[in-house]
């Protein structure tokens, strides 16, 4: 992948840094298609984990279907 392209896209964002729940985001790796769940709160805490489906499998989006 070219260096001038970002590898990850944000596919979803909700919430607020000012709320106790923080900001919840889903990022997709444009190379592998793996989806990641990220949580950032106003207190400086951040968490990142692969997004899992109801059966505990990693959610993967077909990279060919991704658009910037």
C-alpha atoms as a PDB file:
ATOM      1  CA  UNK A   1       0.000   0.000   0.000  1.00  0.00           C
ATOM      2  CA  UNK A   2       1.288   3.452  -0.878  1.00  0.00           C
ATOM      3  CA  UNK A   3       2.603   5.555   1.986  1.00  0.00           C
ATOM      4  CA  UNK A   4       0.366   8.503   1.064  1.00  0.00           C
ATOM      5  CA  UNK A   5      -2.767   6.449   1.815  1.00  0.00           C
ATOM      6  CA  UNK A   6      -4.172   5.878   5.296  1.00  0.00           C
ATOM      7  CA  UNK A   7      -4.477   2.200   6.197  1.00  0.00           C
ATOM      8  CA  UNK A   8      -7.509   2.622   8.487  1.00  0.00           C
ATOM      9  CA  UNK A   9     -10.877   4.254   7.940  1.00  0.00           C
ATOM     10  CA  UNK A  10     -13.391   5.177  10.624  1.00  0.00           C
ATOM     11  CA  UNK A  11     -16.662   3.514   9.679  1.00  0.00           C
ATOM     12  CA  UNK A  12     -18.703   4.603  12.707  1.00  0.00           C
ATOM     13  CA  UNK A  13     -18.491   7.171  15.514  1.00  0.00           C
ATOM     14  CA  UNK A  14     -20.883   7.985  18.339  1.00  0.00           C
ATOM     15  CA  UNK A  15     -20.828   9.562  21.767  1.00  0.00           C
ATOM     16  CA  UNK A  16     -18.927  12.461  23.259  1.00  0.00           C
ATOM     17  CA  UNK A  17     -15.606  12.927  25.053  1.00  0.00           C
ATOM     18  CA  UNK A  18     -17.572  14.917  27.609  1.00  0.00           C
ATOM     19  CA  UNK A  19     -19.900  12.044  28.538  1.00  0.00           C
ATOM     20  CA  UNK A  20     -18.978   9.248  30.943  1.00  0.00           C
ATOM     21  CA  UNK A  21     -19.496   6.726  28.137  1.00  0.00           C
ATOM     22  CA  UNK A  22     -16.916   8.484  25.966  1.00  0.00           C
ATOM     23  CA  UNK A  23     -16.573   8.204  22.190  1.00  0.00           C
ATOM     24  CA  UNK A  24     -17.138   4.820  20.584  1.00  0.00           C
ATOM     25  CA  UNK A  25     -15.667   4.204  17.132  1.00  0.00           C
ATOM     26  CA  UNK A  26     -15.226   1.391  14.658  1.00  0.00           C
ATOM     27  CA  UNK A  27     -12.136   1.384  12.464  1.00  0.00           C
ATOM     28  CA  UNK A  28     -11.593  -0.881   9.468  1.00  0.00           C
ATOM     29  CA  UNK A  29      -8.166  -1.970   8.237  1.00  0.00           C
ATOM     30  CA  UNK A  30      -8.242  -1.393   4.463  1.00  0.00           C
ATOM     31  CA  UNK A  31      -5.659  -4.138   3.879  1.00  0.00           C
ATOM     32  CA  UNK A  32      -7.062  -7.002   5.972  1.00  0.00           C
ATOM     33  CA  UNK A  33     -10.685  -5.866   6.392  1.00  0.00           C
ATOM     34  CA  UNK A  34     -10.531  -6.501  10.163  1.00  0.00           C
ATOM     35  CA  UNK A  35     -12.869  -4.239  12.182  1.00  0.00           C
ATOM     36  CA  UNK A  36     -11.696  -2.739  15.482  1.00  0.00           C
ATOM     37  CA  UNK A  37     -13.748  -1.219  18.303  1.00  0.00           C
ATOM     38  CA  UNK A  38     -12.179   1.803  20.018  1.00  0.00           C
ATOM     39  CA  UNK A  39     -13.358   3.611  23.134  1.00  0.00           C
ATOM     40  CA  UNK A  40     -11.918   6.978  24.191  1.00  0.00           C
ATOM     41  CA  UNK A  41     -13.128   8.825  27.268  1.00  0.00           C
ATOM     42  CA  UNK A  42     -12.467  12.333  28.480  1.00  0.00           C
ATOM     43  CA  UNK A  43     -10.328  11.098  31.376  1.00  0.00           C
ATOM     44  CA  UNK A  44      -7.544  10.031  29.007  1.00  0.00           C
ATOM     45  CA  UNK A  45      -8.428   6.342  28.834  1.00  0.00           C
ATOM     46  CA  UNK A  46      -8.414   4.541  25.493  1.00  0.00           C
ATOM     47  CA  UNK A  47      -9.221   0.939  24.602  1.00  0.00           C
ATOM     48  CA  UNK A  48      -8.875  -0.889  21.279  1.00  0.00           C
ATOM     49  CA  UNK A  49      -9.952  -4.447  20.468  1.00  0.00           C
ATOM     50  CA  UNK A  50     -10.994  -6.446  17.413  1.00  0.00           C
ATOM     51  CA  UNK A  51     -14.767  -6.268  16.922  1.00  0.00           C
ATOM     52  CA  UNK A  52     -16.444  -9.648  17.428  1.00  0.00           C
ATOM     53  CA  UNK A  53     -19.728 -10.969  16.089  1.00  0.00           C
ATOM     54  CA  UNK A  54     -22.343 -12.820  18.155  1.00  0.00           C
ATOM     55  CA  UNK A  55     -20.420 -16.101  17.734  1.00  0.00           C
ATOM     56  CA  UNK A  56     -17.122 -14.606  18.940  1.00  0.00           C
ATOM     57  CA  UNK A  57     -15.522 -14.420  15.485  1.00  0.00           C
ATOM     58  CA  UNK A  58     -13.636 -11.340  14.317  1.00  0.00           C
ATOM     59  CA  UNK A  59     -15.741  -9.101  12.052  1.00  0.00           C
ATOM     60  CA  UNK A  60     -14.072  -8.783   8.643  1.00  0.00           C
ATOM     61  CA  UNK A  61     -15.240  -6.474   5.847  1.00  0.00           C
ATOM     62  CA  UNK A  62     -14.244  -7.344   2.286  1.00  0.00           C
ATOM     63  CA  UNK A  63     -11.465  -4.796   1.534  1.00  0.00           C
ATOM     64  CA  UNK A  64     -12.635  -4.559  -2.083  1.00  0.00           C
ATOM     65  CA  UNK A  65     -15.919  -3.037  -0.846  1.00  0.00           C
ATOM     66  CA  UNK A  66     -14.268  -0.263   1.207  1.00  0.00           C
ATOM     67  CA  UNK A  67     -14.315   3.335   0.006  1.00  0.00           C
ATOM     68  CA  UNK A  68     -12.561   6.326   1.542  1.00  0.00           C
END
